[in-house]
């Protein structure tokens, strides 16, 4: 496929990157913390990967190479943002970001298991977001995107022992943070079940 794209069959490029789209977006979100910026990073990564395709040497998997381009793009944007922090003039501050009336449902229609699952998902997502960057990126690549240790090391340009150590520490931090919260969710769901039955 890469040879076809380099030979001028540009339409093949989408087939080449399609399997990587989710991984690229997940990594972009983990860095940028919002959908809009993550989409921008993802799009720029797609463009950069296309421009640098001739430099891909197949020493690692294409997806690993592509994710490292995404990580570099996200880091570059964050550095630029740190240098010049600006607020858009046309945007009204909204304290309830993430609130969408279209997503509200009647609570009676949601089974308690779904509520508990959503609560757990949100707790895990917040805990992962609070991990220091070096641990978060390893955790996401290994445990969410299911890259191998070698692929993770290549994507982040670190050693295999570093991946193992960072992954272990990330899991320990998550366990320490989530254990008490998950017990609370479990107690709450049991109480909810008693009142609903």
N, C-alpha and C. Protein backbone atom coordinates (compact mmCIF):
# COMPACT_ATOMS: atom_id res chain seq x y z
N UNK A 1 0.82 -1.20 0.00
CA UNK A 1 0.00 0.00 0.00
C UNK A 1 0.87 1.27 0.00
N UNK A 2 1.90 1.24 0.81
CA UNK A 2 2.78 2.41 0.88
C UNK A 2 3.43 2.65 -0.49
N UNK A 3 3.87 1.57 -1.11
CA UNK A 3 4.47 1.70 -2.44
C UNK A 3 3.47 2.27 -3.43
N UNK A 4 2.21 1.86 -3.33
CA UNK A 4 1.17 2.37 -4.23
C UNK A 4 0.95 3.85 -4.02
N UNK A 5 0.90 4.28 -2.76
CA UNK A 5 0.71 5.71 -2.46
C UNK A 5 1.90 6.50 -3.00
N UNK A 6 3.10 6.00 -2.76
CA UNK A 6 4.30 6.70 -3.23
C UNK A 6 4.38 6.74 -4.75
N UNK A 7 3.73 5.77 -5.39
CA UNK A 7 3.72 5.73 -6.86
C UNK A 7 2.64 6.64 -7.44
N UNK A 8 1.87 7.30 -6.57
CA UNK A 8 0.88 8.26 -7.05
C UNK A 8 -0.57 7.87 -6.83
N UNK A 9 -0.83 6.68 -6.31
CA UNK A 9 -2.21 6.25 -6.04
C UNK A 9 -2.64 6.79 -4.67
N UNK A 10 -2.92 8.08 -4.63
CA UNK A 10 -3.20 8.77 -3.38
C UNK A 10 -4.44 8.25 -2.68
N UNK A 11 -5.44 7.76 -3.44
CA UNK A 11 -6.68 7.26 -2.85
C UNK A 11 -6.42 6.05 -1.94
N UNK A 12 -5.32 5.34 -2.13
CA UNK A 12 -4.98 4.18 -1.30
C UNK A 12 -4.56 4.62 0.11
N UNK A 13 -4.15 5.87 0.24
CA UNK A 13 -3.68 6.37 1.54
C UNK A 13 -4.74 6.21 2.62
N UNK A 14 -5.99 6.48 2.29
CA UNK A 14 -7.05 6.34 3.30
C UNK A 14 -7.16 4.90 3.79
N UNK A 15 -7.04 3.94 2.89
CA UNK A 15 -7.07 2.52 3.29
C UNK A 15 -5.90 2.20 4.21
N UNK A 16 -4.77 2.83 3.95
CA UNK A 16 -3.57 2.60 4.75
C UNK A 16 -3.74 3.13 6.18
N UNK A 17 -4.33 4.33 6.30
CA UNK A 17 -4.43 4.94 7.63
C UNK A 17 -5.69 4.55 8.39
N UNK A 18 -6.70 4.00 7.72
CA UNK A 18 -7.97 3.68 8.39
C UNK A 18 -7.79 2.86 9.66
N UNK A 19 -6.98 1.79 9.67
CA UNK A 19 -6.83 1.01 10.90
C UNK A 19 -6.19 1.80 12.06
N UNK A 20 -5.53 2.91 11.75
CA UNK A 20 -4.83 3.69 12.78
C UNK A 20 -5.66 4.84 13.32
N UNK A 21 -6.78 5.15 12.69
CA UNK A 21 -7.54 6.36 13.04
C UNK A 21 -7.91 6.42 14.52
N UNK A 22 -8.42 5.33 15.06
CA UNK A 22 -8.86 5.34 16.46
C UNK A 22 -7.67 5.57 17.40
N UNK A 23 -6.58 4.85 17.17
CA UNK A 23 -5.39 4.98 18.02
C UNK A 23 -4.84 6.40 17.98
N UNK A 24 -4.79 6.97 16.79
CA UNK A 24 -4.29 8.34 16.62
C UNK A 24 -5.17 9.31 17.40
N UNK A 25 -6.48 9.15 17.29
CA UNK A 25 -7.40 10.06 17.97
C UNK A 25 -7.30 9.90 19.49
N UNK A 26 -7.22 8.66 19.98
CA UNK A 26 -7.11 8.42 21.42
C UNK A 26 -5.86 9.08 21.98
N UNK A 27 -4.75 8.95 21.27
CA UNK A 27 -3.51 9.58 21.75
C UNK A 27 -3.64 11.10 21.71
N UNK A 28 -4.26 11.63 20.67
CA UNK A 28 -4.43 13.09 20.57
C UNK A 28 -5.29 13.60 21.71
N UNK A 29 -6.38 12.91 22.02
CA UNK A 29 -7.26 13.32 23.12
C UNK A 29 -6.53 13.25 24.45
N UNK A 30 -5.71 12.22 24.63
CA UNK A 30 -5.01 12.08 25.90
C UNK A 30 -4.06 13.25 26.16
N UNK A 31 -3.54 13.84 25.10
CA UNK A 31 -2.66 15.00 25.26
C UNK A 31 -3.44 16.31 25.31
N UNK A 32 -4.38 16.48 24.39
CA UNK A 32 -5.01 17.78 24.20
C UNK A 32 -6.19 18.03 25.15
N UNK A 33 -6.80 16.98 25.66
CA UNK A 33 -7.88 17.07 26.66
C UNK A 33 -9.21 17.59 26.13
N UNK A 34 -9.33 17.85 24.84
CA UNK A 34 -10.64 18.21 24.28
C UNK A 34 -10.73 17.74 22.84
N UNK A 35 -11.96 17.53 22.40
CA UNK A 35 -12.18 16.93 21.08
C UNK A 35 -11.68 17.79 19.93
N UNK A 36 -11.94 19.09 20.01
CA UNK A 36 -11.58 19.97 18.90
C UNK A 36 -10.08 19.96 18.64
N UNK A 37 -9.31 20.14 19.71
CA UNK A 37 -7.84 20.14 19.56
C UNK A 37 -7.34 18.76 19.14
N UNK A 38 -7.96 17.72 19.67
CA UNK A 38 -7.56 16.35 19.30
C UNK A 38 -7.83 16.10 17.82
N UNK A 39 -8.95 16.59 17.33
CA UNK A 39 -9.25 16.43 15.90
C UNK A 39 -8.23 17.17 15.04
N UNK A 40 -7.85 18.39 15.49
CA UNK A 40 -6.83 19.15 14.76
C UNK A 40 -5.50 18.41 14.73
N UNK A 41 -5.10 17.87 15.89
CA UNK A 41 -3.85 17.12 15.97
C UNK A 41 -3.91 15.89 15.08
N UNK A 42 -5.04 15.18 15.11
CA UNK A 42 -5.20 13.99 14.29
C UNK A 42 -5.09 14.33 12.81
N UNK A 43 -5.78 15.39 12.40
CA UNK A 43 -5.73 15.80 10.99
C UNK A 43 -4.31 16.16 10.57
N UNK A 44 -3.64 16.91 11.43
CA UNK A 44 -2.27 17.30 11.10
C UNK A 44 -1.35 16.07 11.05
N UNK A 45 -1.61 15.09 11.92
CA UNK A 45 -0.81 13.86 11.90
C UNK A 45 -1.04 13.10 10.59
N UNK A 46 -2.28 13.07 10.12
CA UNK A 46 -2.57 12.41 8.84
C UNK A 46 -1.80 13.09 7.70
N UNK A 47 -1.79 14.42 7.72
CA UNK A 47 -1.09 15.17 6.67
C UNK A 47 0.42 14.94 6.77
N UNK A 48 0.96 15.04 7.99
CA UNK A 48 2.40 14.86 8.18
C UNK A 48 2.84 13.45 7.79
N UNK A 49 2.05 12.46 8.17
CA UNK A 49 2.39 11.08 7.81
C UNK A 49 2.42 10.92 6.30
N UNK A 50 1.48 11.56 5.62
CA UNK A 50 1.45 11.49 4.16
C UNK A 50 2.71 12.12 3.57
N UNK A 51 3.06 13.29 4.10
CA UNK A 51 4.25 14.00 3.58
C UNK A 51 5.54 13.24 3.88
N UNK A 52 5.58 12.52 5.01
CA UNK A 52 6.81 11.82 5.40
C UNK A 52 6.80 10.35 5.01
N UNK A 53 5.80 9.93 4.27
CA UNK A 53 5.64 8.51 3.94
C UNK A 53 6.89 7.91 3.29
N UNK A 54 7.55 8.67 2.48
CA UNK A 54 8.76 8.17 1.82
C UNK A 54 9.87 7.87 2.82
N UNK A 55 9.82 8.49 4.00
CA UNK A 55 10.87 8.26 5.00
C UNK A 55 10.58 7.06 5.90
N UNK A 56 9.38 6.46 5.77
CA UNK A 56 9.06 5.28 6.57
C UNK A 56 9.90 4.10 6.09
N UNK A 57 10.69 3.51 7.02
CA UNK A 57 11.63 2.46 6.64
C UNK A 57 11.17 1.06 7.02
N UNK A 58 10.00 0.93 7.57
CA UNK A 58 9.44 -0.37 7.96
C UNK A 58 10.28 -1.07 9.04
N UNK A 59 11.02 -0.30 9.83
CA UNK A 59 11.76 -0.89 10.95
C UNK A 59 10.81 -1.18 12.10
N UNK A 60 9.68 -0.49 12.11
CA UNK A 60 8.62 -0.75 13.08
C UNK A 60 7.32 -0.83 12.29
N UNK A 61 6.23 -1.13 13.01
CA UNK A 61 4.94 -1.19 12.33
C UNK A 61 4.54 0.22 11.89
N UNK A 62 3.76 0.29 10.82
CA UNK A 62 3.30 1.58 10.32
C UNK A 62 2.50 2.31 11.40
N UNK A 63 1.63 1.58 12.12
CA UNK A 63 0.80 2.20 13.16
C UNK A 63 1.67 2.82 14.26
N UNK A 64 2.74 2.15 14.63
CA UNK A 64 3.65 2.68 15.65
C UNK A 64 4.30 3.97 15.17
N UNK A 65 4.76 3.97 13.95
CA UNK A 65 5.37 5.17 13.34
C UNK A 65 4.35 6.31 13.30
N UNK A 66 3.13 5.98 12.93
CA UNK A 66 2.06 6.97 12.81
C UNK A 66 1.71 7.57 14.17
N UNK A 67 1.64 6.74 15.20
CA UNK A 67 1.33 7.23 16.54
C UNK A 67 2.44 8.14 17.05
N UNK A 68 3.70 7.82 16.73
CA UNK A 68 4.79 8.70 17.18
C UNK A 68 4.70 10.07 16.50
N UNK A 69 4.24 10.11 15.25
CA UNK A 69 4.01 11.40 14.59
C UNK A 69 2.92 12.18 15.32
N UNK A 70 1.86 11.47 15.72
CA UNK A 70 0.75 12.10 16.45
C UNK A 70 1.23 12.67 17.78
N UNK A 71 2.01 11.88 18.52
CA UNK A 71 2.52 12.33 19.81
C UNK A 71 3.39 13.57 19.63
N UNK A 72 4.26 13.56 18.64
CA UNK A 72 5.11 14.73 18.39
C UNK A 72 4.29 15.96 18.05
N UNK A 73 3.26 15.79 17.23
CA UNK A 73 2.39 16.92 16.87
C UNK A 73 1.68 17.47 18.10
N UNK A 74 1.16 16.58 18.94
CA UNK A 74 0.47 17.02 20.16
C UNK A 74 1.43 17.77 21.09
N UNK A 75 2.62 17.24 21.27
CA UNK A 75 3.61 17.89 22.15
C UNK A 75 3.99 19.27 21.60
N UNK A 76 4.15 19.36 20.29
CA UNK A 76 4.49 20.65 19.67
C UNK A 76 3.39 21.67 19.93
N UNK A 77 2.15 21.27 19.74
CA UNK A 77 1.03 22.19 19.98
C UNK A 77 0.95 22.62 21.43
N UNK A 78 1.19 21.69 22.34
CA UNK A 78 1.14 22.04 23.76
C UNK A 78 2.27 23.00 24.13
N UNK A 79 3.44 22.81 23.54
CA UNK A 79 4.55 23.75 23.80
C UNK A 79 4.19 25.14 23.28
N UNK A 80 3.63 25.19 22.06
CA UNK A 80 3.22 26.48 21.50
C UNK A 80 2.17 27.14 22.37
N UNK A 81 1.23 26.34 22.84
CA UNK A 81 0.15 26.87 23.68
C UNK A 81 0.72 27.43 24.98
N UNK A 82 1.72 26.76 25.54
CA UNK A 82 2.33 27.23 26.78
C UNK A 82 3.05 28.56 26.58
N UNK A 83 3.62 28.74 25.38
CA UNK A 83 4.32 30.00 25.09
C UNK A 83 3.36 31.15 24.90
N UNK A 84 2.24 30.91 24.21
CA UNK A 84 1.27 31.96 23.94
C UNK A 84 -0.11 31.46 24.32
N UNK A 85 -0.55 31.85 25.50
CA UNK A 85 -1.88 31.44 25.94
C UNK A 85 -2.89 32.52 25.58
N UNK A 86 -3.80 32.19 24.70
CA UNK A 86 -4.80 33.18 24.26
C UNK A 86 -6.19 32.59 24.36
N UNK A 87 -7.16 33.43 24.73
CA UNK A 87 -8.56 33.04 24.77
C UNK A 87 -9.24 33.61 23.54
N UNK A 88 -10.08 32.81 22.86
CA UNK A 88 -10.81 33.35 21.71
C UNK A 88 -11.78 34.46 22.16
N UNK A 89 -11.83 35.55 21.41
CA UNK A 89 -12.68 36.68 21.77
C UNK A 89 -14.15 36.39 21.57
N UNK A 90 -14.48 35.55 20.60
CA UNK A 90 -15.88 35.31 20.30
C UNK A 90 -16.49 34.20 21.13
N UNK A 91 -15.71 33.60 22.05
CA UNK A 91 -16.23 32.49 22.83
C UNK A 91 -16.65 32.97 24.21
N UNK A 92 -17.90 32.67 24.57
CA UNK A 92 -18.41 33.02 25.89
C UNK A 92 -18.03 31.90 26.85
N UNK A 93 -17.45 32.24 28.00
CA UNK A 93 -17.06 31.19 28.95
C UNK A 93 -18.29 30.38 29.36
N UNK A 94 -18.12 29.09 29.41
CA UNK A 94 -19.23 28.20 29.76
C UNK A 94 -18.77 27.27 30.87
N UNK A 95 -19.35 27.44 32.05
CA UNK A 95 -18.94 26.63 33.19
C UNK A 95 -19.41 25.19 33.05
N UNK A 96 -20.46 24.98 32.27
CA UNK A 96 -21.04 23.65 32.14
C UNK A 96 -20.57 22.97 30.87
N UNK A 97 -19.29 23.08 30.54
CA UNK A 97 -18.76 22.40 29.34
C UNK A 97 -19.08 20.93 29.42
N UNK A 98 -19.43 20.37 28.34
CA UNK A 98 -19.75 18.96 28.33
C UNK A 98 -21.23 18.70 28.55
N UNK A 99 -21.99 19.70 28.99
CA UNK A 99 -23.42 19.54 29.21
C UNK A 99 -24.12 19.66 27.88
N UNK A 100 -24.92 18.71 27.57
CA UNK A 100 -25.66 18.75 26.33
C UNK A 100 -27.09 18.30 26.58
N UNK A 101 -28.07 19.21 26.47
CA UNK A 101 -29.45 18.83 26.75
C UNK A 101 -29.91 17.66 25.89
N UNK A 102 -29.36 17.52 24.71
CA UNK A 102 -29.78 16.44 23.82
C UNK A 102 -29.41 15.07 24.39
N UNK A 103 -28.42 15.04 25.30
CA UNK A 103 -27.99 13.77 25.84
C UNK A 103 -28.73 13.36 27.11
N UNK A 104 -29.56 14.25 27.64
CA UNK A 104 -30.29 13.92 28.86
C UNK A 104 -31.33 12.86 28.57
N UNK A 105 -31.46 11.93 29.49
CA UNK A 105 -32.47 10.89 29.36
C UNK A 105 -33.28 10.83 30.64
N UNK A 106 -34.38 10.18 30.58
CA UNK A 106 -35.20 9.93 31.76
C UNK A 106 -34.49 8.89 32.60
N UNK A 107 -34.15 9.22 33.86
CA UNK A 107 -33.40 8.31 34.72
C UNK A 107 -34.12 6.99 34.92
N UNK A 108 -35.44 7.00 34.85
CA UNK A 108 -36.17 5.75 35.06
C UNK A 108 -35.92 4.75 33.94
N UNK A 109 -35.47 5.22 32.80
CA UNK A 109 -35.24 4.33 31.66
C UNK A 109 -33.85 3.70 31.69
N UNK A 110 -32.97 4.16 32.59
CA UNK A 110 -31.60 3.65 32.62
C UNK A 110 -31.49 2.58 33.69
N UNK A 111 -31.14 1.36 33.30
CA UNK A 111 -30.97 0.31 34.31
C UNK A 111 -29.80 0.64 35.23
N UNK A 112 -29.85 0.16 36.45
CA UNK A 112 -28.80 0.49 37.43
C UNK A 112 -27.42 0.02 36.97
N UNK A 113 -27.39 -1.07 36.21
CA UNK A 113 -26.09 -1.54 35.72
C UNK A 113 -25.46 -0.55 34.77
N UNK A 114 -26.29 0.08 33.92
CA UNK A 114 -25.77 1.07 32.97
C UNK A 114 -25.25 2.29 33.71
N UNK A 115 -25.97 2.70 34.76
CA UNK A 115 -25.53 3.85 35.55
C UNK A 115 -24.19 3.55 36.21
N UNK A 116 -24.10 2.35 36.80
CA UNK A 116 -22.85 1.97 37.46
C UNK A 116 -21.71 1.90 36.45
N UNK A 117 -21.96 1.34 35.28
CA UNK A 117 -20.94 1.24 34.24
C UNK A 117 -20.46 2.63 33.82
N UNK A 118 -21.41 3.57 33.65
CA UNK A 118 -21.04 4.94 33.28
C UNK A 118 -20.22 5.60 34.38
N UNK A 119 -20.62 5.39 35.64
CA UNK A 119 -19.87 5.98 36.75
C UNK A 119 -18.44 5.45 36.79
N UNK A 120 -18.30 4.15 36.59
CA UNK A 120 -16.97 3.53 36.60
C UNK A 120 -16.14 4.04 35.43
N UNK A 121 -16.75 4.14 34.25
CA UNK A 121 -16.05 4.64 33.07
C UNK A 121 -15.52 6.04 33.31
N UNK A 122 -16.36 6.91 33.88
CA UNK A 122 -15.95 8.29 34.15
C UNK A 122 -14.83 8.33 35.19
N UNK A 123 -14.94 7.51 36.23
CA UNK A 123 -13.88 7.46 37.25
C UNK A 123 -12.55 7.04 36.64
N UNK A 124 -12.58 6.01 35.80
CA UNK A 124 -11.34 5.52 35.17
C UNK A 124 -10.77 6.57 34.23
N UNK A 125 -11.65 7.19 33.45
CA UNK A 125 -11.20 8.22 32.50
C UNK A 125 -10.52 9.37 33.24
N UNK A 126 -11.13 9.83 34.32
CA UNK A 126 -10.54 10.93 35.10
C UNK A 126 -9.21 10.52 35.72
N UNK A 127 -9.16 9.30 36.23
CA UNK A 127 -7.91 8.82 36.85
C UNK A 127 -6.79 8.75 35.82
N UNK A 128 -7.10 8.27 34.63
CA UNK A 128 -6.08 8.18 33.58
C UNK A 128 -5.61 9.59 33.18
N UNK A 129 -6.55 10.53 33.08
CA UNK A 129 -6.20 11.90 32.71
C UNK A 129 -5.29 12.55 33.75
N UNK A 130 -5.41 12.13 35.02
CA UNK A 130 -4.60 12.73 36.08
C UNK A 130 -3.20 12.11 36.20
N UNK A 131 -2.97 11.02 35.48
CA UNK A 131 -1.62 10.43 35.50
C UNK A 131 -0.62 11.41 34.90
N UNK A 132 0.60 11.46 35.43
CA UNK A 132 1.63 12.26 34.77
C UNK A 132 1.80 11.77 33.34
N UNK A 133 2.14 12.67 32.45
CA UNK A 133 2.19 12.38 31.01
C UNK A 133 3.01 11.13 30.67
N UNK A 134 4.18 10.96 31.28
CA UNK A 134 5.04 9.83 30.91
C UNK A 134 4.39 8.49 31.25
N UNK A 135 3.54 8.47 32.26
CA UNK A 135 2.85 7.23 32.62
C UNK A 135 1.56 7.08 31.82
N UNK A 136 0.88 8.18 31.61
CA UNK A 136 -0.39 8.14 30.87
C UNK A 136 -0.18 7.63 29.44
N UNK A 137 0.85 8.14 28.76
CA UNK A 137 1.05 7.75 27.36
C UNK A 137 1.40 6.26 27.25
N UNK A 138 2.20 5.74 28.17
CA UNK A 138 2.53 4.32 28.15
C UNK A 138 1.29 3.48 28.45
N UNK A 139 0.51 3.90 29.44
CA UNK A 139 -0.70 3.16 29.80
C UNK A 139 -1.68 3.12 28.62
N UNK A 140 -1.87 4.25 27.96
CA UNK A 140 -2.81 4.29 26.83
C UNK A 140 -2.34 3.42 25.68
N UNK A 141 -1.07 3.48 25.36
CA UNK A 141 -0.56 2.68 24.24
C UNK A 141 -0.61 1.18 24.55
N UNK A 142 -0.25 0.79 25.77
CA UNK A 142 -0.21 -0.64 26.11
C UNK A 142 -1.59 -1.20 26.46
N UNK A 143 -2.27 -0.56 27.40
CA UNK A 143 -3.50 -1.16 27.93
C UNK A 143 -4.77 -0.75 27.20
N UNK A 144 -4.74 0.39 26.53
CA UNK A 144 -5.94 0.81 25.78
C UNK A 144 -5.79 0.44 24.31
N UNK A 145 -4.68 0.85 23.70
CA UNK A 145 -4.47 0.57 22.28
C UNK A 145 -3.86 -0.81 22.03
N UNK A 146 -3.42 -1.46 23.10
CA UNK A 146 -2.89 -2.83 23.05
C UNK A 146 -1.68 -3.00 22.13
N UNK A 147 -0.82 -1.98 22.10
CA UNK A 147 0.46 -2.13 21.40
C UNK A 147 1.35 -3.04 22.24
N UNK A 148 2.30 -3.69 21.61
CA UNK A 148 3.24 -4.50 22.36
C UNK A 148 4.20 -3.57 23.11
N UNK A 149 4.97 -4.15 24.01
CA UNK A 149 5.96 -3.35 24.75
C UNK A 149 6.97 -2.75 23.77
N UNK A 150 7.40 -3.56 22.79
CA UNK A 150 8.37 -3.09 21.81
C UNK A 150 7.79 -1.94 20.97
N UNK A 151 6.53 -2.10 20.52
CA UNK A 151 5.89 -1.05 19.72
C UNK A 151 5.72 0.23 20.54
N UNK A 152 5.37 0.08 21.81
CA UNK A 152 5.22 1.24 22.69
C UNK A 152 6.55 1.96 22.84
N UNK A 153 7.61 1.19 23.04
CA UNK A 153 8.95 1.79 23.18
C UNK A 153 9.32 2.54 21.91
N UNK A 154 9.03 1.95 20.76
CA UNK A 154 9.35 2.61 19.48
C UNK A 154 8.52 3.88 19.29
N UNK A 155 7.24 3.81 19.62
CA UNK A 155 6.37 4.97 19.43
C UNK A 155 6.80 6.15 20.29
N UNK A 156 7.26 5.84 21.51
CA UNK A 156 7.65 6.90 22.44
C UNK A 156 9.16 7.20 22.42
N UNK A 157 9.89 6.39 21.64
CA UNK A 157 11.33 6.57 21.54
C UNK A 157 12.02 6.43 22.90
N UNK A 158 11.60 5.38 23.64
CA UNK A 158 12.21 5.07 24.94
C UNK A 158 12.59 3.58 24.93
N UNK A 159 13.31 3.15 25.97
CA UNK A 159 13.74 1.75 26.04
C UNK A 159 12.61 0.85 26.51
N UNK A 160 12.75 -0.43 26.22
CA UNK A 160 11.75 -1.42 26.66
C UNK A 160 11.67 -1.47 28.19
N UNK A 161 12.80 -1.47 28.92
CA UNK A 161 12.69 -1.45 30.39
C UNK A 161 11.94 -0.20 30.90
N UNK A 162 12.12 0.94 30.23
CA UNK A 162 11.40 2.15 30.64
C UNK A 162 9.89 1.97 30.46
N UNK A 163 9.50 1.33 29.37
CA UNK A 163 8.07 1.06 29.15
C UNK A 163 7.53 0.21 30.28
N UNK A 164 8.26 -0.85 30.63
CA UNK A 164 7.79 -1.76 31.69
C UNK A 164 7.66 -1.05 33.03
N UNK A 165 8.67 -0.25 33.37
CA UNK A 165 8.64 0.47 34.65
C UNK A 165 7.50 1.48 34.66
N UNK A 166 7.36 2.26 33.60
CA UNK A 166 6.31 3.28 33.55
C UNK A 166 4.92 2.66 33.56
N UNK A 167 4.76 1.54 32.86
CA UNK A 167 3.47 0.87 32.84
C UNK A 167 3.12 0.34 34.22
N UNK A 168 4.09 -0.26 34.89
CA UNK A 168 3.85 -0.77 36.25
C UNK A 168 3.45 0.38 37.18
N UNK A 169 4.19 1.48 37.11
CA UNK A 169 3.88 2.63 37.98
C UNK A 169 2.51 3.22 37.65
N UNK A 170 2.17 3.30 36.36
CA UNK A 170 0.86 3.82 35.96
C UNK A 170 -0.25 2.96 36.53
N UNK A 171 -0.10 1.65 36.42
CA UNK A 171 -1.12 0.74 36.95
C UNK A 171 -1.24 0.86 38.46
N UNK A 172 -0.10 0.98 39.15
CA UNK A 172 -0.13 1.13 40.61
C UNK A 172 -0.81 2.44 41.02
N UNK A 173 -0.51 3.53 40.30
CA UNK A 173 -1.15 4.82 40.60
C UNK A 173 -2.66 4.73 40.39
N UNK A 174 -3.05 4.10 39.30
CA UNK A 174 -4.48 3.95 39.01
C UNK A 174 -5.17 3.10 40.08
N UNK A 175 -4.51 2.02 40.45
CA UNK A 175 -5.09 1.15 41.48
C UNK A 175 -5.26 1.89 42.80
N UNK A 176 -4.24 2.64 43.18
CA UNK A 176 -4.29 3.39 44.44
C UNK A 176 -5.41 4.43 44.42
N UNK A 177 -5.56 5.10 43.27
CA UNK A 177 -6.58 6.14 43.17
C UNK A 177 -7.99 5.57 43.01
N UNK A 178 -8.12 4.49 42.27
CA UNK A 178 -9.44 3.98 41.93
C UNK A 178 -10.04 3.04 42.98
N UNK A 179 -9.22 2.32 43.72
CA UNK A 179 -9.75 1.33 44.66
C UNK A 179 -10.79 1.91 45.61
N UNK A 180 -10.51 3.02 46.32
CA UNK A 180 -11.52 3.56 47.24
C UNK A 180 -12.76 4.08 46.49
N UNK A 181 -12.56 4.67 45.32
CA UNK A 181 -13.68 5.23 44.57
C UNK A 181 -14.58 4.12 44.03
N UNK A 182 -14.00 3.02 43.60
CA UNK A 182 -14.80 1.92 43.07
C UNK A 182 -15.59 1.24 44.18
N UNK A 183 -15.04 1.19 45.38
CA UNK A 183 -15.80 0.66 46.52
C UNK A 183 -17.02 1.53 46.78
N UNK A 184 -16.87 2.86 46.69
CA UNK A 184 -17.98 3.78 46.89
C UNK A 184 -19.05 3.59 45.83
N UNK A 185 -18.63 3.45 44.57
CA UNK A 185 -19.59 3.23 43.48
C UNK A 185 -20.34 1.93 43.70
N UNK A 186 -19.63 0.91 44.14
CA UNK A 186 -20.25 -0.40 44.37
C UNK A 186 -21.29 -0.30 45.49
N UNK A 187 -20.96 0.39 46.59
CA UNK A 187 -21.92 0.57 47.68
C UNK A 187 -23.13 1.36 47.22
N UNK A 188 -22.89 2.44 46.44
CA UNK A 188 -23.98 3.28 45.95
C UNK A 188 -24.92 2.48 45.06
N UNK A 189 -24.36 1.65 44.19
CA UNK A 189 -25.20 0.88 43.27
C UNK A 189 -26.02 -0.15 44.04
N UNK A 190 -25.45 -0.73 45.12
CA UNK A 190 -26.23 -1.68 45.93
C UNK A 190 -27.37 -0.95 46.62
N UNK A 191 -27.09 0.25 47.15
CA UNK A 191 -28.13 1.04 47.80
C UNK A 191 -29.23 1.41 46.80
N UNK A 192 -28.81 1.82 45.60
CA UNK A 192 -29.77 2.19 44.55
C UNK A 192 -30.66 0.99 44.23
N UNK A 193 -30.05 -0.21 44.16
CA UNK A 193 -30.78 -1.41 43.82
C UNK A 193 -31.82 -1.73 44.91
N UNK A 194 -31.43 -1.53 46.19
CA UNK A 194 -32.35 -1.79 47.30
C UNK A 194 -33.57 -0.85 47.24
N UNK A 195 -33.33 0.43 46.93
CA UNK A 195 -34.43 1.39 46.87
C UNK A 195 -35.33 1.18 45.66
N UNK A 196 -34.76 0.64 44.57
CA UNK A 196 -35.53 0.47 43.33
C UNK A 196 -36.33 -0.83 43.35
N UNK A 197 -35.93 -1.80 44.19
CA UNK A 197 -36.63 -3.08 44.13
C UNK A 197 -37.85 -3.13 45.00
